[in-house]
Structure formats: C-alpha cells, structure tokens
C-alpha atoms as a PDB file:
ATOM      1  CA  MET A   1     118.873  85.109  89.098  1.00  0.00           C
ATOM      2  CA  ASP A   2     119.030  81.361  88.574  1.00  0.00           C
ATOM      3  CA  ASP A   3     118.468  79.619  85.257  1.00  0.00           C
ATOM      4  CA  GLN A   4     114.883  78.701  86.134  1.00  0.00           C
ATOM      5  CA  SER A   5     113.704  82.151  87.218  1.00  0.00           C
ATOM      6  CA  MET A   6     111.381  84.071  84.960  1.00  0.00           C
ATOM      7  CA  THR A   7     111.794  87.732  84.192  1.00  0.00           C
ATOM      8  CA  PRO A   8     108.917  89.960  85.365  1.00  0.00           C
ATOM      9  CA  GLU A   9     107.777  90.248  81.752  1.00  0.00           C
ATOM     10  CA  GLU A  10     107.778  86.462  81.319  1.00  0.00           C
ATOM     11  CA  ALA A  11     105.865  86.015  84.575  1.00  0.00           C
ATOM     12  CA  ARG A  12     103.241  88.584  83.508  1.00  0.00           C
ATOM     13  CA  ALA A  13     102.840  86.852  80.147  1.00  0.00           C
ATOM     14  CA  ARG A  14     102.537  83.461  81.853  1.00  0.00           C
ATOM     15  CA  ILE A  15      99.922  84.753  84.304  1.00  0.00           C
ATOM     16  CA  GLY A  16      98.016  86.305  81.401  1.00  0.00           C
ATOM     17  CA  ARG A  17      98.018  82.932  79.672  1.00  0.00           C
ATOM     18  CA  ILE A  18      96.780  81.136  82.808  1.00  0.00           C
ATOM     19  CA  ALA A  19      93.973  83.675  83.213  1.00  0.00           C
ATOM     20  CA  GLY A  20      93.015  83.407  79.566  1.00  0.00           C
ATOM     21  CA  GLU A  21      92.951  79.623  79.561  1.00  0.00           C
ATOM     22  CA  ASP A  22      90.830  79.460  82.710  1.00  0.00           C
ATOM     23  CA  GLY A  23      88.513  82.319  81.750  1.00  0.00           C
ATOM     24  CA  ARG A  24      86.850  82.856  85.146  1.00  0.00           C
ATOM     25  CA  TYR A  25      89.026  85.711  86.378  1.00  0.00           C
ATOM     26  CA  ALA A  26      90.555  88.727  84.675  1.00  0.00           C
ATOM     27  CA  PRO A  27      94.366  88.807  84.474  1.00  0.00           C
ATOM     28  CA  GLU A  28      94.257  91.826  86.794  1.00  0.00           C
ATOM     29  CA  ALA A  29      92.916  89.570  89.555  1.00  0.00           C
ATOM     30  CA  PHE A  30      96.009  87.360  89.258  1.00  0.00           C
ATOM     31  CA  PHE A  31      98.321  90.371  89.276  1.00  0.00           C
ATOM     32  CA  PHE A  32      96.540  91.751  92.323  1.00  0.00           C
ATOM     33  CA  VAL A  33      96.901  88.436  94.186  1.00  0.00           C
ATOM     34  CA  THR A  34     100.609  88.515  93.353  1.00  0.00           C
ATOM     35  CA  ASP A  35     100.813  92.017  94.850  1.00  0.00           C
ATOM     36  CA  VAL A  36      98.867  90.828  97.903  1.00  0.00           C
ATOM     37  CA  VAL A  37     101.355  88.015  98.502  1.00  0.00           C
ATOM     38  CA  GLY A  38     104.271  90.452  98.471  1.00  0.00           C
ATOM     39  CA  ARG A  39     102.596  92.994 100.732  1.00  0.00           C
ATOM     40  CA  THR A  40     101.382  90.323 103.169  1.00  0.00           C
ATOM     41  CA  VAL A  41     104.904  88.941 103.519  1.00  0.00           C
ATOM     42  CA  GLU A  42     106.162  92.481 104.107  1.00  0.00           C
ATOM     43  CA  TRP A  43     103.488  93.220 106.739  1.00  0.00           C
ATOM     44  CA  LEU A  44     104.171  89.939 108.559  1.00  0.00           C
ATOM     45  CA  GLN A  45     107.944  90.394 108.548  1.00  0.00           C
ATOM     46  CA  LYS A  46     107.635  93.953 109.882  1.00  0.00           C
ATOM     47  CA  GLY A  47     105.122  92.913 112.559  1.00  0.00           C
ATOM     48  CA  GLU A  48     102.448  95.157 111.002  1.00  0.00           C
ATOM     49  CA  MET A  49     100.024  92.251 110.698  1.00  0.00           C
ATOM     50  CA  PRO A  50      99.388  89.597 113.344  1.00  0.00           C
ATOM     51  CA  PRO A  51     100.380  86.096 112.227  1.00  0.00           C
ATOM     52  CA  ARG A  52      97.607  83.519 111.845  1.00  0.00           C
ATOM     53  CA  ASP A  53      99.849  80.549 111.175  1.00  0.00           C
ATOM     54  CA  ALA A  54     102.121  78.879 113.709  1.00  0.00           C
ATOM     55  CA  GLY A  55     103.837  76.713 111.086  1.00  0.00           C
ATOM     56  CA  SER A  56     107.319  77.104 109.698  1.00  0.00           C
ATOM     57  CA  ARG A  57     107.626  80.098 107.394  1.00  0.00           C
ATOM     58  CA  GLY A  58     111.043  79.661 105.892  1.00  0.00           C
ATOM     59  CA  GLU A  59     113.794  82.235 106.011  1.00  0.00           C
ATOM     60  CA  ALA A  60     112.690  85.796 106.748  1.00  0.00           C
ATOM     61  CA  GLY A  61     113.298  87.899 103.679  1.00  0.00           C
ATOM     62  CA  GLY A  62     113.851  84.741 101.647  1.00  0.00           C
ATOM     63  CA  ARG A  63     112.060  83.718  98.500  1.00  0.00           C
ATOM     64  CA  ASP A  64     110.383  80.736 100.172  1.00  0.00           C
ATOM     65  CA  PHE A  65     108.721  82.658 103.041  1.00  0.00           C
ATOM     66  CA  HIS A  66     105.320  81.016 103.580  1.00  0.00           C
ATOM     67  CA  ILE A  67     102.002  82.670 104.382  1.00  0.00           C
ATOM     68  CA  SER A  68      98.748  80.903 105.185  1.00  0.00           C
ATOM     69  CA  GLY A  69      95.515  81.214 103.244  1.00  0.00           C
ATOM     70  CA  GLN A  70      93.962  83.190 106.101  1.00  0.00           C
ATOM     71  CA  GLU A  71      96.934  85.561 106.177  1.00  0.00           C
ATOM     72  CA  LEU A  72      96.666  86.063 102.434  1.00  0.00           C
ATOM     73  CA  LEU A  73      92.956  86.859 102.762  1.00  0.00           C
ATOM     74  CA  GLU A  74      93.668  89.419 105.478  1.00  0.00           C
ATOM     75  CA  GLY A  75      96.375  90.914 103.261  1.00  0.00           C
ATOM     76  CA  MET A  76      93.913  91.085 100.385  1.00  0.00           C
ATOM     77  CA  ARG A  77      91.323  92.839 102.544  1.00  0.00           C
ATOM     78  CA  ARG A  78      93.910  95.395 103.664  1.00  0.00           C
ATOM     79  CA  LEU A  79      95.447  96.050 100.257  1.00  0.00           C
ATOM     80  CA  ALA A  80      92.084  96.266  98.449  1.00  0.00           C
ATOM     81  CA  ARG A  81      90.791  98.796 100.960  1.00  0.00           C
ATOM     82  CA  GLU A  82      94.063 100.716 100.772  1.00  0.00           C
ATOM     83  CA  ARG A  83      93.977 100.895  96.962  1.00  0.00           C
ATOM     84  CA  TRP A  84      90.284 101.296  96.212  1.00  0.00           C
ATOM     85  CA  GLY A  85      88.528 102.231  99.449  1.00  0.00           C
ATOM     86  CA  CYS A  86      84.773 101.814  99.256  1.00  0.00           C
ATOM     87  CA  MET A  87      85.063 100.642  95.628  1.00  0.00           C
ATOM     88  CA  ALA A  88      87.150  97.560  96.509  1.00  0.00           C
ATOM     89  CA  ARG A  89      84.351  95.007  96.222  1.00  0.00           C
ATOM     90  CA  ARG A  90      83.214  96.396  92.884  1.00  0.00           C
ATOM     91  CA  VAL A  91      86.728  96.316  91.435  1.00  0.00           C
ATOM     92  CA  LEU A  92      87.255  92.715  92.562  1.00  0.00           C
ATOM     93  CA  GLU A  93      83.841  91.613  91.291  1.00  0.00           C
ATOM     94  CA  ARG A  94      84.570  93.176  87.901  1.00  0.00           C
ATOM     95  CA  TRP A  95      87.562  90.838  87.746  1.00  0.00           C
ATOM     96  CA  GLY A  96      85.418  87.818  88.704  1.00  0.00           C
ATOM     97  CA  VAL A  97      86.464  87.720  92.366  1.00  0.00           C
ATOM     98  CA  SER A  98      83.432  87.821  94.653  1.00  0.00           C
ATOM     99  CA  ARG A  99      84.284  85.251  97.346  1.00  0.00           C
ATOM    100  CA  THR A 100      87.365  84.225  99.276  1.00  0.00           C
ATOM    101  CA  GLU A 101      87.148  80.875  97.505  1.00  0.00           C
ATOM    102  CA  ASP A 102      87.898  82.733  94.240  1.00  0.00           C
ATOM    103  CA  VAL A 103      91.157  83.951  95.778  1.00  0.00           C
ATOM    104  CA  GLY A 104      92.049  80.352  96.628  1.00  0.00           C
ATOM    105  CA  GLU A 105      91.350  79.259  93.058  1.00  0.00           C
ATOM    106  CA  ILE A 106      93.666  81.962  91.710  1.00  0.00           C
ATOM    107  CA  VAL A 107      96.410  81.072  94.194  1.00  0.00           C
ATOM    108  CA  PHE A 108      96.242  77.378  93.371  1.00  0.00           C
ATOM    109  CA  MET A 109      96.262  77.982  89.616  1.00  0.00           C
ATOM    110  CA  MET A 110      99.542  79.831  90.093  1.00  0.00           C
ATOM    111  CA  VAL A 111     100.896  77.221  92.521  1.00  0.00           C
ATOM    112  CA  GLU A 112     100.064  74.413  90.098  1.00  0.00           C
ATOM    113  CA  ASP A 113     101.805  76.113  87.177  1.00  0.00           C
ATOM    114  CA  GLU A 114     105.358  74.752  87.343  1.00  0.00           C
ATOM    115  CA  LYS A 115     106.870  77.637  85.394  1.00  0.00           C
ATOM    116  CA  LEU A 116     105.785  80.223  87.991  1.00  0.00           C
ATOM    117  CA  GLN A 117     107.523  78.219  90.735  1.00  0.00           C
ATOM    118  CA  TRP A 118     105.138  79.202  93.520  1.00  0.00           C
ATOM    119  CA  LYS A 119     105.680  76.962  96.526  1.00  0.00           C
ATOM    120  CA  ARG A 120     103.175  75.331  98.822  1.00  0.00           C
ATOM    121  CA  ARG A 121     103.238  73.186 101.906  1.00  0.00           C
ATOM    122  CA  GLU A 122     101.747  69.731 101.818  1.00  0.00           C
ATOM    123  CA  SER A 123      99.087  70.955 104.250  1.00  0.00           C
ATOM    124  CA  ASP A 124      98.000  73.898 102.032  1.00  0.00           C
ATOM    125  CA  ALA A 125      94.577  73.396 100.448  1.00  0.00           C
ATOM    126  CA  ARG A 126      91.924  75.322  98.570  1.00  0.00           C
ATOM    127  CA  GLU A 127      89.723  74.831 101.628  1.00  0.00           C
ATOM    128  CA  ASP A 128      92.030  77.237 103.511  1.00  0.00           C
ATOM    129  CA  PHE A 129      90.219  79.997 101.616  1.00  0.00           C
ATOM    130  CA  ALA A 130      86.684  78.730 102.240  1.00  0.00           C
ATOM    131  CA  ARG A 131      84.374  81.092 104.066  1.00  0.00           C
ATOM    132  CA  GLY A 132      87.194  83.470 104.952  1.00  0.00           C
ATOM    133  CA  TYR A 133      84.853  86.467 105.062  1.00  0.00           C
ATOM    134  CA  ASP A 134      81.900  87.924 103.254  1.00  0.00           C
ATOM    135  CA  PHE A 135      82.943  90.576 100.745  1.00  0.00           C
ATOM    136  CA  ALA A 136      79.940  92.768 101.534  1.00  0.00           C
ATOM    137  CA  ASP A 137      80.794  92.694 105.253  1.00  0.00           C
ATOM    138  CA  VAL A 138      84.445  93.692 104.869  1.00  0.00           C
ATOM    139  CA  PHE A 139      84.261  96.005 101.879  1.00  0.00           C
ATOM    140  CA  ASP A 140      80.849  97.688 102.126  1.00  0.00           C
ATOM    141  CA  ALA A 141      81.075  98.574 105.811  1.00  0.00           C
ATOM    142  CA  TRP A 142      83.668 101.195 104.961  1.00  0.00           C
ATOM    143  CA  GLU A 143      84.698 103.534 107.736  1.00  0.00           C
ATOM    144  CA  GLY A 144      87.529 105.299 105.938  1.00  0.00           C
END
C-alpha cells in the first residue's frame, strides 16, 4: 500500500462524509456503486459481460482498469437484480437513486474527491450516464 492509499475504513468514512455533505443520496448508494465498479471490472476481465467501450482500459487486474459509464450501468443492473431481485428498484429509490443520471452523479462525486483517488479519462462525462435505461423497465419486468 502506498503512502496515499486509504484504508477501507478511511474510504468508508470519506464516502459517508461525501454523502452527508451532498444530501441527495444515502451513503449505501455510494457503497453500492463502489461494489458495482469492482464487480463490473471482474465481469469484463473474465469475459462474463460484453464490453461497451473500445477505448484503452489500462492493465488487466490493475488498479487503473477503466470501465465506461454504460458498462457501469449494465453492472449496476446485474448486481442490483442479483442482490435484491424484484425489490431492486425500491431499494435504490430508498437511497435516492431513481435514474441512471443519479448513478453518474454519485460516480463523479467520488471521482472529484481527490482523497478517494478514483481515476477518469478526459472523455468521461456525466452525460455518459444520461438515459441509460428506465428503472421501471429493467427492474420491474422481473423474470427471475
């Protein structure tokens, strides 16, 4: 671990502070997005999820592996359905997340916090999360 890395406890406290200062989303939403990033990277590296970004990703298995906004949204859809099934939309809405744009806001709050050290490409933008999918369409049409 380098001198600038945060411990998991420090990162959780920092994310809690970011959530509290912003006030729109529950801390759990930030923690879930963090989990989604990790699982999406895993799914992409194992070939269990089709890539949606032709850009450079960085070193496979490395800390700087990049995923696109659309890939993150697909990862969120998958992980939310895996964890909560037909209740996924309700859980996310309870945390203040009701649109894909909310996911983008959470991601960029963490990217913009220097202490968390999340990386982004110059081409990454909040608009990458715009109109990704309708929550009712992907979470309410549950087929098990």
